[in-house]
Amino acid sequence: MDETEVTNAQLEQFVSATGYVTVAERPVIWEELKKELPPGTPTPPDSLLQPGALVFQKTEQPVPLNDPSRWWHWTLGADWRHPEGTASSIKGKMKAVS
């Protein structure tokens, strides 16, 4: 989280002006990623080593707060333009805070 909210329109303007590519849009390079993981973490299948992001999924009932995997899910193709994966879009959400 930043100190200042940024709308999708502002982010789009920044990306257009600078050519910036977010982490969720960049290719996944396992040799770089594993440096941030505990030693011995097994290499995931290539099908999972694709650009994406964690997407929040509301739960049906209360869940233990010590297990974020209950409400955050890795979604291939999710990024600021596609907040819920490749089939989603920010169209109509340009004023929404990202």
PDB file of N, CA and C in Angstrom:
ATOM      1  N   MET A   1       0.836  -1.167   0.000  1.00  0.00           N
ATOM      2  CA  MET A   1       0.000   0.000   0.000  1.00  0.00           C
ATOM      3  C   MET A   1       0.887   1.240   0.000  1.00  0.00           C
ATOM      4  N   ASP A   2       0.445   2.214  -0.731  1.00  0.00           N
ATOM      5  CA  ASP A   2       1.157   3.487  -0.761  1.00  0.00           C
ATOM      6  C   ASP A   2       0.475   4.505   0.125  1.00  0.00           C
ATOM      7  N   GLU A   3       1.154   5.607   0.333  1.00  0.00           N
ATOM      8  CA  GLU A   3       0.585   6.684   1.126  1.00  0.00           C
ATOM      9  C   GLU A   3      -0.549   7.380   0.391  1.00  0.00           C
ATOM     10  N   THR A   4      -0.499   7.365  -0.930  1.00  0.00           N
ATOM     11  CA  THR A   4      -1.490   8.060  -1.747  1.00  0.00           C
ATOM     12  C   THR A   4      -2.235   7.060  -2.618  1.00  0.00           C
ATOM     13  N   GLU A   5      -3.533   7.176  -2.642  1.00  0.00           N
ATOM     14  CA  GLU A   5      -4.332   6.304  -3.510  1.00  0.00           C
ATOM     15  C   GLU A   5      -4.064   6.654  -4.967  1.00  0.00           C
ATOM     16  N   VAL A   6      -4.133   5.652  -5.821  1.00  0.00           N
ATOM     17  CA  VAL A   6      -3.934   5.833  -7.253  1.00  0.00           C
ATOM     18  C   VAL A   6      -5.114   5.198  -7.962  1.00  0.00           C
ATOM     19  N   THR A   7      -5.763   5.948  -8.841  1.00  0.00           N
ATOM     20  CA  THR A   7      -6.873   5.366  -9.602  1.00  0.00           C
ATOM     21  C   THR A   7      -6.323   4.558 -10.768  1.00  0.00           C
ATOM     22  N   ASN A   8      -7.153   3.716 -11.329  1.00  0.00           N
ATOM     23  CA  ASN A   8      -6.755   2.952 -12.519  1.00  0.00           C
ATOM     24  C   ASN A   8      -6.409   3.896 -13.660  1.00  0.00           C
ATOM     25  N   ALA A   9      -7.137   5.001 -13.792  1.00  0.00           N
ATOM     26  CA  ALA A   9      -6.859   5.985 -14.853  1.00  0.00           C
ATOM     27  C   ALA A   9      -5.476   6.595 -14.660  1.00  0.00           C
ATOM     28  N   GLN A  10      -5.113   6.919 -13.423  1.00  0.00           N
ATOM     29  CA  GLN A  10      -3.790   7.478 -13.155  1.00  0.00           C
ATOM     30  C   GLN A  10      -2.693   6.457 -13.435  1.00  0.00           C
ATOM     31  N   LEU A  11      -2.931   5.209 -13.049  1.00  0.00           N
ATOM     32  CA  LEU A  11      -1.948   4.167 -13.325  1.00  0.00           C
ATOM     33  C   LEU A  11      -1.794   3.972 -14.829  1.00  0.00           C
ATOM     34  N   GLU A  12      -2.896   3.958 -15.545  1.00  0.00           N
ATOM     35  CA  GLU A  12      -2.837   3.809 -17.001  1.00  0.00           C
ATOM     36  C   GLU A  12      -2.048   4.950 -17.638  1.00  0.00           C
ATOM     37  N   GLN A  13      -2.258   6.164 -17.152  1.00  0.00           N
ATOM     38  CA  GLN A  13      -1.524   7.314 -17.674  1.00  0.00           C
ATOM     39  C   GLN A  13      -0.028   7.165 -17.394  1.00  0.00           C
ATOM     40  N   PHE A  14       0.329   6.735 -16.191  1.00  0.00           N
ATOM     41  CA  PHE A  14       1.730   6.514 -15.834  1.00  0.00           C
ATOM     42  C   PHE A  14       2.358   5.438 -16.721  1.00  0.00           C
ATOM     43  N   VAL A  15       1.660   4.323 -16.879  1.00  0.00           N
ATOM     44  CA  VAL A  15       2.183   3.222 -17.702  1.00  0.00           C
ATOM     45  C   VAL A  15       2.374   3.675 -19.149  1.00  0.00           C
ATOM     46  N   SER A  16       1.410   4.421 -19.671  1.00  0.00           N
ATOM     47  CA  SER A  16       1.513   4.920 -21.051  1.00  0.00           C
ATOM     48  C   SER A  16       2.697   5.865 -21.217  1.00  0.00           C
ATOM     49  N   ALA A  17       2.928   6.708 -20.212  1.00  0.00           N
ATOM     50  CA  ALA A  17       4.000   7.701 -20.301  1.00  0.00           C
ATOM     51  C   ALA A  17       5.386   7.097 -20.103  1.00  0.00           C
ATOM     52  N   THR A  18       5.478   6.037 -19.306  1.00  0.00           N
ATOM     53  CA  THR A  18       6.797   5.510 -18.943  1.00  0.00           C
ATOM     54  C   THR A  18       7.130   4.144 -19.526  1.00  0.00           C
ATOM     55  N   GLY A  19       6.109   3.414 -19.981  1.00  0.00           N
ATOM     56  CA  GLY A  19       6.344   2.051 -20.449  1.00  0.00           C
ATOM     57  C   GLY A  19       6.544   1.067 -19.307  1.00  0.00           C
ATOM     58  N   TYR A  20       6.205   1.481 -18.095  1.00  0.00           N
ATOM     59  CA  TYR A  20       6.385   0.628 -16.922  1.00  0.00           C
ATOM     60  C   TYR A  20       5.597  -0.675 -17.066  1.00  0.00           C
ATOM     61  N   VAL A  21       6.209  -1.759 -16.653  1.00  0.00           N
ATOM     62  CA  VAL A  21       5.571  -3.078 -16.653  1.00  0.00           C
ATOM     63  C   VAL A  21       5.528  -3.551 -15.201  1.00  0.00           C
ATOM     64  N   THR A  22       4.337  -3.814 -14.696  1.00  0.00           N
ATOM     65  CA  THR A  22       4.205  -4.230 -13.303  1.00  0.00           C
ATOM     66  C   THR A  22       4.758  -5.643 -13.101  1.00  0.00           C
ATOM     67  N   VAL A  23       5.030  -5.975 -11.867  1.00  0.00           N
ATOM     68  CA  VAL A  23       5.546  -7.308 -11.529  1.00  0.00           C
ATOM     69  C   VAL A  23       4.589  -8.386 -12.036  1.00  0.00           C
ATOM     70  N   ALA A  24       3.285  -8.148 -11.927  1.00  0.00           N
ATOM     71  CA  ALA A  24       2.291  -9.139 -12.346  1.00  0.00           C
ATOM     72  C   ALA A  24       2.272  -9.358 -13.858  1.00  0.00           C
ATOM     73  N   GLU A  25       2.892  -8.471 -14.614  1.00  0.00           N
ATOM     74  CA  GLU A  25       2.928  -8.594 -16.075  1.00  0.00           C
ATOM     75  C   GLU A  25       4.260  -9.134 -16.593  1.00  0.00           C
ATOM     76  N   ARG A  26       5.243  -9.205 -15.727  1.00  0.00           N
ATOM     77  CA  ARG A  26       6.579  -9.631 -16.148  1.00  0.00           C
ATOM     78  C   ARG A  26       6.688 -11.153 -16.186  1.00  0.00           C
ATOM     79  N   PRO A  27       7.534 -11.665 -17.072  1.00  0.00           N
ATOM     80  CA  PRO A  27       7.767 -13.117 -17.085  1.00  0.00           C
ATOM     81  C   PRO A  27       8.318 -13.575 -15.736  1.00  0.00           C
ATOM     82  N   VAL A  28       7.960 -14.776 -15.333  1.00  0.00           N
ATOM     83  CA  VAL A  28       8.453 -15.346 -14.085  1.00  0.00           C
ATOM     84  C   VAL A  28       9.766 -16.065 -14.375  1.00  0.00           C
ATOM     85  N   ILE A  29      10.809 -15.651 -13.679  1.00  0.00           N
ATOM     86  CA  ILE A  29      12.124 -16.266 -13.839  1.00  0.00           C
ATOM     87  C   ILE A  29      12.417 -17.012 -12.535  1.00  0.00           C
ATOM     88  N   TRP A  30      12.325 -18.320 -12.590  1.00  0.00           N
ATOM     89  CA  TRP A  30      12.437 -19.141 -11.389  1.00  0.00           C
ATOM     90  C   TRP A  30      13.736 -18.880 -10.631  1.00  0.00           C
ATOM     91  N   GLU A  31      14.842 -18.722 -11.329  1.00  0.00           N
ATOM     92  CA  GLU A  31      16.128 -18.513 -10.653  1.00  0.00           C
ATOM     93  C   GLU A  31      16.101 -17.245  -9.798  1.00  0.00           C
ATOM     94  N   GLU A  32      15.365 -16.237 -10.225  1.00  0.00           N
ATOM     95  CA  GLU A  32      15.231 -15.010  -9.435  1.00  0.00           C
ATOM     96  C   GLU A  32      14.227 -15.204  -8.307  1.00  0.00           C
ATOM     97  N   LEU A  33      13.113 -15.830  -8.609  1.00  0.00           N
ATOM     98  CA  LEU A  33      12.043 -16.017  -7.624  1.00  0.00           C
ATOM     99  C   LEU A  33      12.502 -16.864  -6.443  1.00  0.00           C
ATOM    100  N   LYS A  34      13.249 -17.912  -6.712  1.00  0.00           N
ATOM    101  CA  LYS A  34      13.619 -18.825  -5.629  1.00  0.00           C
ATOM    102  C   LYS A  34      14.567 -18.182  -4.630  1.00  0.00           C
ATOM    103  N   LYS A  35      15.211 -17.073  -4.994  1.00  0.00           N
ATOM    104  CA  LYS A  35      16.065 -16.351  -4.052  1.00  0.00           C
ATOM    105  C   LYS A  35      15.245 -15.762  -2.902  1.00  0.00           C
ATOM    106  N   GLU A  36      13.959 -15.558  -3.138  1.00  0.00           N
ATOM    107  CA  GLU A  36      13.079 -14.958  -2.135  1.00  0.00           C
ATOM    108  C   GLU A  36      12.297 -16.010  -1.343  1.00  0.00           C
ATOM    109  N   LEU A  37      12.524 -17.286  -1.632  1.00  0.00           N
ATOM    110  CA  LEU A  37      11.794 -18.374  -0.997  1.00  0.00           C
ATOM    111  C   LEU A  37      12.703 -19.161  -0.062  1.00  0.00           C
ATOM    112  N   PRO A  38      12.112 -19.918   0.853  1.00  0.00           N
ATOM    113  CA  PRO A  38      12.953 -20.746   1.736  1.00  0.00           C
ATOM    114  C   PRO A  38      13.788 -21.737   0.924  1.00  0.00           C
ATOM    115  N   PRO A  39      15.012 -22.007   1.366  1.00  0.00           N
ATOM    116  CA  PRO A  39      15.856 -22.991   0.672  1.00  0.00           C
ATOM    117  C   PRO A  39      15.130 -24.327   0.534  1.00  0.00           C
ATOM    118  N   GLY A  40      15.309 -24.958  -0.619  1.00  0.00           N
ATOM    119  CA  GLY A  40      14.702 -26.261  -0.854  1.00  0.00           C
ATOM    120  C   GLY A  40      13.281 -26.214  -1.372  1.00  0.00           C
ATOM    121  N   THR A  41      12.731 -25.010  -1.564  1.00  0.00           N
ATOM    122  CA  THR A  41      11.375 -24.921  -2.117  1.00  0.00           C
ATOM    123  C   THR A  41      11.382 -25.597  -3.483  1.00  0.00           C
ATOM    124  N   PRO A  42      10.491 -26.549  -3.721  1.00  0.00           N
ATOM    125  CA  PRO A  42      10.495 -27.244  -5.011  1.00  0.00           C
ATOM    126  C   PRO A  42      10.070 -26.314  -6.150  1.00  0.00           C
ATOM    127  N   THR A  43      10.600 -26.589  -7.312  1.00  0.00           N
ATOM    128  CA  THR A  43      10.244 -25.806  -8.500  1.00  0.00           C
ATOM    129  C   THR A  43       8.819 -26.154  -8.916  1.00  0.00           C
ATOM    130  N   PRO A  44       7.948 -25.146  -9.035  1.00  0.00           N
ATOM    131  CA  PRO A  44       6.582 -25.426  -9.502  1.00  0.00           C
ATOM    132  C   PRO A  44       6.593 -25.829 -10.972  1.00  0.00           C
ATOM    133  N   PRO A  45       5.516 -26.429 -11.437  1.00  0.00           N
ATOM    134  CA  PRO A  45       5.437 -26.764 -12.869  1.00  0.00           C
ATOM    135  C   PRO A  45       5.493 -25.490 -13.717  1.00  0.00           C
ATOM    136  N   ASP A  46       6.039 -25.616 -14.919  1.00  0.00           N
ATOM    137  CA  ASP A  46       6.127 -24.467 -15.833  1.00  0.00           C
ATOM    138  C   ASP A  46       4.768 -23.819 -16.074  1.00  0.00           C
ATOM    139  N   SER A  47       3.700 -24.607 -16.017  1.00  0.00           N
ATOM    140  CA  SER A  47       2.362 -24.064 -16.255  1.00  0.00           C
ATOM    141  C   SER A  47       1.975 -23.032 -15.195  1.00  0.00           C
ATOM    142  N   LEU A  48       2.611 -23.091 -14.023  1.00  0.00           N
ATOM    143  CA  LEU A  48       2.329 -22.119 -12.966  1.00  0.00           C
ATOM    144  C   LEU A  48       3.316 -20.961 -12.943  1.00  0.00           C
ATOM    145  N   LEU A  49       4.446 -21.126 -13.595  1.00  0.00           N
ATOM    146  CA  LEU A  49       5.456 -20.072 -13.632  1.00  0.00           C
ATOM    147  C   LEU A  49       5.146 -19.089 -14.753  1.00  0.00           C
ATOM    148  N   GLN A  50       3.983 -18.499 -14.649  1.00  0.00           N
ATOM    149  CA  GLN A  50       3.491 -17.543 -15.631  1.00  0.00           C
ATOM    150  C   GLN A  50       3.115 -16.258 -14.898  1.00  0.00           C
ATOM    151  N   PRO A  51       3.100 -15.126 -15.605  1.00  0.00           N
ATOM    152  CA  PRO A  51       2.704 -13.884 -14.956  1.00  0.00           C
ATOM    153  C   PRO A  51       1.300 -13.992 -14.358  1.00  0.00           C
ATOM    154  N   GLY A  52       1.122 -13.359 -13.221  1.00  0.00           N
ATOM    155  CA  GLY A  52      -0.162 -13.364 -12.548  1.00  0.00           C
ATOM    156  C   GLY A  52      -0.055 -12.614 -11.239  1.00  0.00           C
ATOM    157  N   ALA A  53      -1.082 -12.736 -10.428  1.00  0.00           N
ATOM    158  CA  ALA A  53      -1.109 -12.039  -9.148  1.00  0.00           C
ATOM    159  C   ALA A  53      -2.041 -12.755  -8.185  1.00  0.00           C
ATOM    160  N   LEU A  54      -1.921 -12.403  -6.919  1.00  0.00           N
ATOM    161  CA  LEU A  54      -2.871 -12.891  -5.935  1.00  0.00           C
ATOM    162  C   LEU A  54      -4.169 -12.107  -6.081  1.00  0.00           C
ATOM    163  N   VAL A  55      -5.282 -12.823  -6.074  1.00  0.00           N
ATOM    164  CA  VAL A  55      -6.603 -12.215  -6.204  1.00  0.00           C
ATOM    165  C   VAL A  55      -7.391 -12.539  -4.940  1.00  0.00           C
ATOM    166  N   PHE A  56      -8.018 -11.514  -4.373  1.00  0.00           N
ATOM    167  CA  PHE A  56      -8.822 -11.697  -3.170  1.00  0.00           C
ATOM    168  C   PHE A  56     -10.119 -12.402  -3.520  1.00  0.00           C
ATOM    169  N   GLN A  57     -10.470 -13.411  -2.759  1.00  0.00           N
ATOM    170  CA  GLN A  57     -11.742 -14.111  -2.934  1.00  0.00           C
ATOM    171  C   GLN A  57     -12.462 -14.141  -1.602  1.00  0.00           C
ATOM    172  N   LYS A  58     -13.614 -13.505  -1.588  1.00  0.00           N
ATOM    173  CA  LYS A  58     -14.428 -13.454  -0.383  1.00  0.00           C
ATOM    174  C   LYS A  58     -14.794 -14.878   0.039  1.00  0.00           C
ATOM    175  N   THR A  59     -14.763 -15.108   1.334  1.00  0.00           N
ATOM    176  CA  THR A  59     -15.107 -16.430   1.846  1.00  0.00           C
ATOM    177  C   THR A  59     -16.582 -16.482   2.238  1.00  0.00           C
ATOM    178  N   GLU A  60     -17.143 -17.658   2.248  1.00  0.00           N
ATOM    179  CA  GLU A  60     -18.546 -17.858   2.614  1.00  0.00           C
ATOM    180  C   GLU A  60     -18.767 -17.734   4.115  1.00  0.00           C
ATOM    181  N   GLN A  61     -17.724 -18.023   4.873  1.00  0.00           N
ATOM    182  CA  GLN A  61     -17.834 -18.025   6.329  1.00  0.00           C
ATOM    183  C   GLN A  61     -16.512 -17.562   6.910  1.00  0.00           C
ATOM    184  N   PRO A  62     -16.457 -17.262   8.198  1.00  0.00           N
ATOM    185  CA  PRO A  62     -15.184 -16.872   8.808  1.00  0.00           C
ATOM    186  C   PRO A  62     -14.125 -17.971   8.623  1.00  0.00           C
ATOM    187  N   VAL A  63     -12.897 -17.545   8.443  1.00  0.00           N
ATOM    188  CA  VAL A  63     -11.782 -18.477   8.280  1.00  0.00           C
ATOM    189  C   VAL A  63     -10.657 -18.070   9.226  1.00  0.00           C
ATOM    190  N   PRO A  64      -9.752 -18.987   9.546  1.00  0.00           N
ATOM    191  CA  PRO A  64      -8.618 -18.636  10.408  1.00  0.00           C
ATOM    192  C   PRO A  64      -7.769 -17.539   9.751  1.00  0.00           C
ATOM    193  N   LEU A  65      -7.445 -16.528  10.508  1.00  0.00           N
ATOM    194  CA  LEU A  65      -6.683 -15.408   9.963  1.00  0.00           C
ATOM    195  C   LEU A  65      -5.201 -15.717   9.799  1.00  0.00           C
ATOM    196  N   ASN A  66      -4.748 -16.857  10.299  1.00  0.00           N
ATOM    197  CA  ASN A  66      -3.344 -17.233  10.155  1.00  0.00           C
ATOM    198  C   ASN A  66      -3.072 -18.003   8.860  1.00  0.00           C
ATOM    199  N   ASP A  67      -4.061 -18.088   7.980  1.00  0.00           N
ATOM    200  CA  ASP A  67      -3.905 -18.810   6.710  1.00  0.00           C
ATOM    201  C   ASP A  67      -4.439 -17.966   5.553  1.00  0.00           C
ATOM    202  N   PRO A  68      -3.624 -17.025   5.045  1.00  0.00           N
ATOM    203  CA  PRO A  68      -4.089 -16.147   3.972  1.00  0.00           C
ATOM    204  C   PRO A  68      -4.478 -16.884   2.687  1.00  0.00           C
ATOM    205  N   SER A  69      -4.057 -18.138   2.547  1.00  0.00           N
ATOM    206  CA  SER A  69      -4.434 -18.882   1.331  1.00  0.00           C
ATOM    207  C   SER A  69      -5.936 -19.137   1.278  1.00  0.00           C
ATOM    208  N   ARG A  70      -6.638 -18.896   2.387  1.00  0.00           N
ATOM    209  CA  ARG A  70      -8.084 -19.072   2.405  1.00  0.00           C
ATOM    210  C   ARG A  70      -8.796 -17.966   1.640  1.00  0.00           C
ATOM    211  N   TRP A  71      -8.147 -16.790   1.486  1.00  0.00           N
ATOM    212  CA  TRP A  71      -8.824 -15.688   0.793  1.00  0.00           C
ATOM    213  C   TRP A  71      -7.997 -15.041  -0.318  1.00  0.00           C
ATOM    214  N   TRP A  72      -6.731 -15.368  -0.432  1.00  0.00           N
ATOM    215  CA  TRP A  72      -5.901 -14.904  -1.545  1.00  0.00           C
ATOM    216  C   TRP A  72      -5.547 -16.107  -2.409  1.00  0.00           C
ATOM    217  N   HIS A  73      -5.760 -15.990  -3.714  1.00  0.00           N
ATOM    218  CA  HIS A  73      -5.503 -17.105  -4.635  1.00  0.00           C
ATOM    219  C   HIS A  73      -4.674 -16.633  -5.814  1.00  0.00           C
ATOM    220  N   TRP A  74      -3.619 -17.387  -6.131  1.00  0.00           N
ATOM    221  CA  TRP A  74      -2.783 -17.069  -7.286  1.00  0.00           C
ATOM    222  C   TRP A  74      -3.612 -17.270  -8.542  1.00  0.00           C
ATOM    223  N   THR A  75      -3.642 -16.233  -9.376  1.00  0.00           N
ATOM    224  CA  THR A  75      -4.446 -16.274 -10.594  1.00  0.00           C
ATOM    225  C   THR A  75      -3.573 -15.885 -11.777  1.00  0.00           C
ATOM    226  N   LEU A  76      -3.362 -16.847 -12.673  1.00  0.00           N
ATOM    227  CA  LEU A  76      -2.578 -16.560 -13.877  1.00  0.00           C
ATOM    228  C   LEU A  76      -3.275 -15.476 -14.684  1.00  0.00           C
ATOM    229  N   GLY A  77      -2.485 -14.538 -15.205  1.00  0.00           N
ATOM    230  CA  GLY A  77      -3.029 -13.478 -16.050  1.00  0.00           C
ATOM    231  C   GLY A  77      -3.660 -12.319 -15.295  1.00  0.00           C
ATOM    232  N   ALA A  78      -3.696 -12.398 -13.976  1.00  0.00           N
ATOM    233  CA  ALA A  78      -4.236 -11.275 -13.199  1.00  0.00           C
ATOM    234  C   ALA A  78      -3.193 -10.168 -13.129  1.00  0.00           C
ATOM    235  N   ASP A  79      -3.607  -8.961 -13.420  1.00  0.00           N
ATOM    236  CA  ASP A  79      -2.751  -7.783 -13.302  1.00  0.00           C
ATOM    237  C   ASP A  79      -3.663  -6.562 -13.182  1.00  0.00           C
ATOM    238  N   TRP A  80      -3.108  -5.384 -13.217  1.00  0.00           N
ATOM    239  CA  TRP A  80      -3.933  -4.192 -12.993  1.00  0.00           C
ATOM    240  C   TRP A  80      -4.981  -4.003 -14.083  1.00  0.00           C
ATOM    241  N   ARG A  81      -4.711  -4.470 -15.291  1.00  0.00           N
ATOM    242  CA  ARG A  81      -5.697  -4.363 -16.377  1.00  0.00           C
ATOM    243  C   ARG A  81      -6.747  -5.474 -16.300  1.00  0.00           C
ATOM    244  N   HIS A  82      -6.374  -6.573 -15.671  1.00  0.00           N
ATOM    245  CA  HIS A  82      -7.225  -7.768 -15.553  1.00  0.00           C
ATOM    246  C   HIS A  82      -7.240  -8.211 -14.087  1.00  0.00           C
ATOM    247  N   PRO A  83      -7.953  -7.494 -13.226  1.00  0.00           N
ATOM    248  CA  PRO A  83      -7.837  -7.699 -11.780  1.00  0.00           C
ATOM    249  C   PRO A  83      -8.299  -9.054 -11.263  1.00  0.00           C
ATOM    250  N   GLU A  84      -9.065  -9.787 -12.038  1.00  0.00           N
ATOM    251  CA  GLU A  84      -9.527 -11.106 -11.598  1.00  0.00           C
ATOM    252  C   GLU A  84      -9.062 -12.205 -12.547  1.00  0.00           C
ATOM    253  N   GLY A  85      -8.110 -11.895 -13.414  1.00  0.00           N
ATOM    254  CA  GLY A  85      -7.600 -12.852 -14.386  1.00  0.00           C
ATOM    255  C   GLY A  85      -7.877 -12.382 -15.797  1.00  0.00           C
ATOM    256  N   THR A  86      -7.455 -13.189 -16.770  1.00  0.00           N
ATOM    257  CA  THR A  86      -7.503 -12.762 -18.168  1.00  0.00           C
ATOM    258  C   THR A  86      -8.900 -12.427 -18.676  1.00  0.00           C
ATOM    259  N   ALA A  87      -9.932 -13.012 -18.121  1.00  0.00           N
ATOM    260  CA  ALA A  87     -11.293 -12.746 -18.597  1.00  0.00           C
ATOM    261  C   ALA A  87     -11.891 -11.474 -17.990  1.00  0.00           C
ATOM    262  N   SER A  88     -11.178 -10.835 -17.058  1.00  0.00           N
ATOM    263  CA  SER A  88     -11.703  -9.634 -16.415  1.00  0.00           C
ATOM    264  C   SER A  88     -11.079  -8.382 -17.023  1.00  0.00           C
ATOM    265  N   SER A  89     -11.631  -7.237 -16.665  1.00  0.00           N
ATOM    266  CA  SER A  89     -11.158  -5.974 -17.218  1.00  0.00           C
ATOM    267  C   SER A  89     -11.405  -4.842 -16.221  1.00  0.00           C
ATOM    268  N   ILE A  90     -10.643  -3.759 -16.377  1.00  0.00           N
ATOM    269  CA  ILE A  90     -10.899  -2.575 -15.559  1.00  0.00           C
ATOM    270  C   ILE A  90     -11.843  -1.608 -16.290  1.00  0.00           C
ATOM    271  N   LYS A  91     -12.321  -2.019 -17.448  1.00  0.00           N
ATOM    272  CA  LYS A  91     -13.241  -1.150 -18.192  1.00  0.00           C
ATOM    273  C   LYS A  91     -14.399  -0.752 -17.270  1.00  0.00           C
ATOM    274  N   GLY A  92     -14.679   0.532 -17.217  1.00  0.00           N
ATOM    275  CA  GLY A  92     -15.729   1.048 -16.346  1.00  0.00           C
ATOM    276  C   GLY A  92     -15.273   1.243 -14.912  1.00  0.00           C
ATOM    277  N   LYS A  93     -13.996   0.960 -14.637  1.00  0.00           N
ATOM    278  CA  LYS A  93     -13.478   1.081 -13.267  1.00  0.00           C
ATOM    279  C   LYS A  93     -12.284   2.031 -13.221  1.00  0.00           C
ATOM    280  N   MET A  94     -12.237   2.986 -14.122  1.00  0.00           N
ATOM    281  CA  MET A  94     -11.063   3.857 -14.213  1.00  0.00           C
ATOM    282  C   MET A  94     -10.932   4.800 -13.019  1.00  0.00           C
ATOM    283  N   LYS A  95     -12.043   5.116 -12.356  1.00  0.00           N
ATOM    284  CA  LYS A  95     -11.979   5.998 -11.193  1.00  0.00           C
ATOM    285  C   LYS A  95     -11.816   5.223  -9.901  1.00  0.00           C
ATOM    286  N   ALA A  96     -11.950   3.916  -9.979  1.00  0.00           N
ATOM    287  CA  ALA A  96     -11.813   3.079  -8.784  1.00  0.00           C
ATOM    288  C   ALA A  96     -10.363   3.073  -8.335  1.00  0.00           C
ATOM    289  N   VAL A  97     -10.158   3.119  -7.050  1.00  0.00           N
ATOM    290  CA  VAL A  97      -8.797   3.049  -6.517  1.00  0.00           C
ATOM    291  C   VAL A  97      -8.268   1.645  -6.726  1.00  0.00           C
ATOM    292  N   SER A  98      -7.060   1.557  -7.288  1.00  0.00           N
ATOM    293  CA  SER A  98      -6.478   0.233  -7.552  1.00  0.00           C
ATOM    294  C   SER A  98      -5.810  -0.334  -6.340  1.00  0.00           C
TER     295      SER A  98
END
